[in-house]
Amino acid sequence: MARILLVDDDEDVLESMAELLGRHHEVIVAAGFPQALAALGEGPLPDVVVTDYDMAPYRGDDLLAIVAARWPRVGRILHSGAPGVAAKANRLHVDHLVKKGDPSELARAIAQCLLRLRWA
């Protein structure tokens, strides 16, 4: 069981994704960028951060850049339903870009992050 920090400013998405991921993982939720930074600073580090891209005024790839710099062993997944995110996002600090609404793709991305962490 992995510890996943799930970040999204849409409460409905946050709730449904937390329920889905919570079947197999320990899930910590954060309703936006500032809450995510607080969660990262407070408790045990997550194994993987799954964040939405568009959380005005911040972006999920900005959060993942901070995670990469401070906690490089934490997996980083950008999760978005917005079209064109792959072209706009700074992919330098993103391990996986996953489209919202595809739980099997998200599960694969989490598994790949965990495998990388195990062998790091």
C-alpha atoms as a PDB file:
ATOM      1  CA  MET A   1       0.000   0.000   0.000  1.00  0.00           C
ATOM      2  CA  ALA A   2       1.460   3.321  -1.082  1.00  0.00           C
ATOM      3  CA  ARG A   3       0.855   6.769   0.353  1.00  0.00           C
ATOM      4  CA  ILE A   4      -0.630   9.045  -2.333  1.00  0.00           C
ATOM      5  CA  LEU A   5      -1.054  12.812  -2.068  1.00  0.00           C
ATOM      6  CA  LEU A   6      -3.995  13.713  -4.306  1.00  0.00           C
ATOM      7  CA  VAL A   7      -4.287  17.397  -5.248  1.00  0.00           C
ATOM      8  CA  ASP A   8      -7.243  18.974  -7.056  1.00  0.00           C
ATOM      9  CA  ASP A   9      -9.224  22.173  -6.558  1.00  0.00           C
ATOM     10  CA  ASP A  10     -12.454  20.500  -7.722  1.00  0.00           C
ATOM     11  CA  GLU A  11     -14.035  18.930  -4.626  1.00  0.00           C
ATOM     12  CA  ASP A  12     -16.115  16.435  -6.625  1.00  0.00           C
ATOM     13  CA  VAL A  13     -13.059  15.159  -8.492  1.00  0.00           C
ATOM     14  CA  LEU A  14     -11.034  15.085  -5.295  1.00  0.00           C
ATOM     15  CA  GLU A  15     -13.694  13.060  -3.499  1.00  0.00           C
ATOM     16  CA  SER A  16     -14.259  10.545  -6.301  1.00  0.00           C
ATOM     17  CA  MET A  17     -10.541  10.061  -6.967  1.00  0.00           C
ATOM     18  CA  ALA A  18      -9.811   9.678  -3.254  1.00  0.00           C
ATOM     19  CA  GLU A  19     -12.472   6.984  -3.035  1.00  0.00           C
ATOM     20  CA  LEU A  20     -11.074   5.184  -6.077  1.00  0.00           C
ATOM     21  CA  LEU A  21      -7.423   5.355  -4.998  1.00  0.00           C
ATOM     22  CA  GLY A  22      -8.330   4.631  -1.385  1.00  0.00           C
ATOM     23  CA  ARG A  23      -9.272   1.070  -2.322  1.00  0.00           C
ATOM     24  CA  HIS A  24      -5.593   0.198  -2.738  1.00  0.00           C
ATOM     25  CA  HIS A  25      -3.611   3.048  -1.201  1.00  0.00           C
ATOM     26  CA  GLU A  26      -3.472   5.436   1.720  1.00  0.00           C
ATOM     27  CA  VAL A  27      -4.726   8.733   0.280  1.00  0.00           C
ATOM     28  CA  ILE A  28      -4.041  12.217   1.599  1.00  0.00           C
ATOM     29  CA  VAL A  29      -6.143  14.914  -0.077  1.00  0.00           C
ATOM     30  CA  ALA A  30      -5.306  18.550  -0.677  1.00  0.00           C
ATOM     31  CA  ALA A  31      -7.821  20.979  -2.192  1.00  0.00           C
ATOM     32  CA  GLY A  32      -5.233  23.061  -4.018  1.00  0.00           C
ATOM     33  CA  PHE A  33      -1.623  24.159  -4.235  1.00  0.00           C
ATOM     34  CA  PRO A  34      -1.212  25.760  -0.760  1.00  0.00           C
ATOM     35  CA  GLN A  35      -2.848  22.788   0.969  1.00  0.00           C
ATOM     36  CA  ALA A  36      -0.570  20.404  -0.934  1.00  0.00           C
ATOM     37  CA  LEU A  37       2.548  22.256   0.224  1.00  0.00           C
ATOM     38  CA  ALA A  38       1.227  22.183   3.796  1.00  0.00           C
ATOM     39  CA  ALA A  39       0.569  18.433   3.579  1.00  0.00           C
ATOM     40  CA  LEU A  40       4.063  17.818   2.229  1.00  0.00           C
ATOM     41  CA  GLY A  41       5.588  19.780   5.077  1.00  0.00           C
ATOM     42  CA  GLU A  42       3.508  18.304   7.888  1.00  0.00           C
ATOM     43  CA  GLY A  43       3.477  14.564   7.852  1.00  0.00           C
ATOM     44  CA  PRO A  44       5.281  11.629   6.416  1.00  0.00           C
ATOM     45  CA  LEU A  45       6.078  12.152   2.766  1.00  0.00           C
ATOM     46  CA  PRO A  46       3.858  10.503   0.186  1.00  0.00           C
ATOM     47  CA  ASP A  47       5.293   7.958  -2.215  1.00  0.00           C
ATOM     48  CA  VAL A  48       3.519   9.660  -5.123  1.00  0.00           C
ATOM     49  CA  VAL A  49       1.892  13.055  -5.737  1.00  0.00           C
ATOM     50  CA  VAL A  50      -1.026  13.067  -8.200  1.00  0.00           C
ATOM     51  CA  THR A  51      -2.013  16.625  -9.048  1.00  0.00           C
ATOM     52  CA  ASP A  52      -4.406  18.405 -11.357  1.00  0.00           C
ATOM     53  CA  TYR A  53      -2.832  20.750 -13.901  1.00  0.00           C
ATOM     54  CA  ASP A  54      -5.063  23.823 -13.679  1.00  0.00           C
ATOM     55  CA  MET A  55      -5.559  25.105 -10.123  1.00  0.00           C
ATOM     56  CA  ALA A  56      -5.697  28.858 -10.615  1.00  0.00           C
ATOM     57  CA  PRO A  57      -3.632  30.819  -9.907  1.00  0.00           C
ATOM     58  CA  TYR A  58      -1.146  27.900  -9.810  1.00  0.00           C
ATOM     59  CA  ARG A  59      -0.435  24.947 -12.050  1.00  0.00           C
ATOM     60  CA  GLY A  60       0.165  21.353 -11.120  1.00  0.00           C
ATOM     61  CA  ASP A  61       3.483  21.222 -12.963  1.00  0.00           C
ATOM     62  CA  ASP A  62       4.667  24.102 -10.740  1.00  0.00           C
ATOM     63  CA  LEU A  63       3.829  21.991  -7.688  1.00  0.00           C
ATOM     64  CA  LEU A  64       5.654  19.003  -9.171  1.00  0.00           C
ATOM     65  CA  ALA A  65       8.735  21.161  -9.825  1.00  0.00           C
ATOM     66  CA  ILE A  66       8.837  21.984  -6.103  1.00  0.00           C
ATOM     67  CA  VAL A  67       8.359  18.309  -5.214  1.00  0.00           C
ATOM     68  CA  ALA A  68      11.174  17.295  -7.600  1.00  0.00           C
ATOM     69  CA  ALA A  69      13.546  19.864  -6.109  1.00  0.00           C
ATOM     70  CA  ARG A  70      12.799  19.166  -2.432  1.00  0.00           C
ATOM     71  CA  TRP A  71      11.801  15.506  -2.468  1.00  0.00           C
ATOM     72  CA  PRO A  72      13.241  13.880  -5.616  1.00  0.00           C
ATOM     73  CA  ARG A  73      12.309  10.346  -4.511  1.00  0.00           C
ATOM     74  CA  VAL A  74       8.583  11.191  -4.544  1.00  0.00           C
ATOM     75  CA  GLY A  75       6.792  10.086  -7.724  1.00  0.00           C
ATOM     76  CA  ARG A  76       5.104  12.878  -9.698  1.00  0.00           C
ATOM     77  CA  ILE A  77       1.957  12.462 -11.789  1.00  0.00           C
ATOM     78  CA  LEU A  78       0.162  15.291 -13.581  1.00  0.00           C
ATOM     79  CA  HIS A  79      -3.530  14.421 -13.906  1.00  0.00           C
ATOM     80  CA  SER A  80      -5.615  16.574 -16.205  1.00  0.00           C
ATOM     81  CA  GLY A  81      -8.739  16.675 -18.306  1.00  0.00           C
ATOM     82  CA  ALA A  82      -7.815  19.899 -20.079  1.00  0.00           C
ATOM     83  CA  PRO A  83      -6.995  19.538 -23.773  1.00  0.00           C
ATOM     84  CA  GLY A  84      -3.482  20.427 -24.831  1.00  0.00           C
ATOM     85  CA  VAL A  85      -1.886  20.042 -21.418  1.00  0.00           C
ATOM     86  CA  ALA A  86       0.939  17.905 -22.781  1.00  0.00           C
ATOM     87  CA  ALA A  87       2.037  20.807 -24.971  1.00  0.00           C
ATOM     88  CA  LYS A  88       1.670  23.453 -22.240  1.00  0.00           C
ATOM     89  CA  ALA A  89       3.000  21.631 -19.180  1.00  0.00           C
ATOM     90  CA  ASN A  90       6.626  21.776 -18.172  1.00  0.00           C
ATOM     91  CA  ARG A  91       7.268  18.035 -18.376  1.00  0.00           C
ATOM     92  CA  LEU A  92      10.763  18.329 -16.879  1.00  0.00           C
ATOM     93  CA  HIS A  93       9.511  17.478 -13.384  1.00  0.00           C
ATOM     94  CA  VAL A  94       6.615  15.188 -14.339  1.00  0.00           C
ATOM     95  CA  ASP A  95       7.075  11.408 -14.276  1.00  0.00           C
ATOM     96  CA  HIS A  96       3.730  10.719 -15.956  1.00  0.00           C
ATOM     97  CA  LEU A  97       0.979  12.739 -17.611  1.00  0.00           C
ATOM     98  CA  VAL A  98      -2.383  11.003 -17.180  1.00  0.00           C
ATOM     99  CA  LYS A  99      -5.729  12.015 -18.612  1.00  0.00           C
ATOM    100  CA  LYS A 100      -8.549  12.377 -16.083  1.00  0.00           C
ATOM    101  CA  GLY A 101     -11.229   9.748 -16.374  1.00  0.00           C
ATOM    102  CA  ASP A 102      -8.863   6.852 -17.077  1.00  0.00           C
ATOM    103  CA  PRO A 103      -8.399   4.999 -13.782  1.00  0.00           C
ATOM    104  CA  SER A 104      -6.436   2.146 -15.373  1.00  0.00           C
ATOM    105  CA  GLU A 105      -3.899   4.592 -16.845  1.00  0.00           C
ATOM    106  CA  LEU A 106      -3.585   6.295 -13.457  1.00  0.00           C
ATOM    107  CA  ALA A 107      -3.094   2.929 -11.724  1.00  0.00           C
ATOM    108  CA  ARG A 108      -0.338   2.037 -14.228  1.00  0.00           C
ATOM    109  CA  ALA A 109       1.388   5.398 -13.697  1.00  0.00           C
ATOM    110  CA  ILE A 110       1.301   4.953  -9.908  1.00  0.00           C
ATOM    111  CA  ALA A 111       2.680   1.410 -10.232  1.00  0.00           C
ATOM    112  CA  GLN A 112       5.498   2.656 -12.475  1.00  0.00           C
ATOM    113  CA  CYS A 113       6.384   5.412  -9.998  1.00  0.00           C
ATOM    114  CA  LEU A 114       6.448   2.910  -7.147  1.00  0.00           C
ATOM    115  CA  LEU A 115       8.627   0.523  -9.146  1.00  0.00           C
ATOM    116  CA  ARG A 116      11.079   3.321  -9.936  1.00  0.00           C
ATOM    117  CA  LEU A 117      11.216   4.296  -6.262  1.00  0.00           C
ATOM    118  CA  ARG A 118      11.831   0.719  -5.204  1.00  0.00           C
ATOM    119  CA  TRP A 119      14.873   0.463  -7.478  1.00  0.00           C
ATOM    120  CA  ALA A 120      16.203   3.979  -6.843  1.00  0.00           C
END
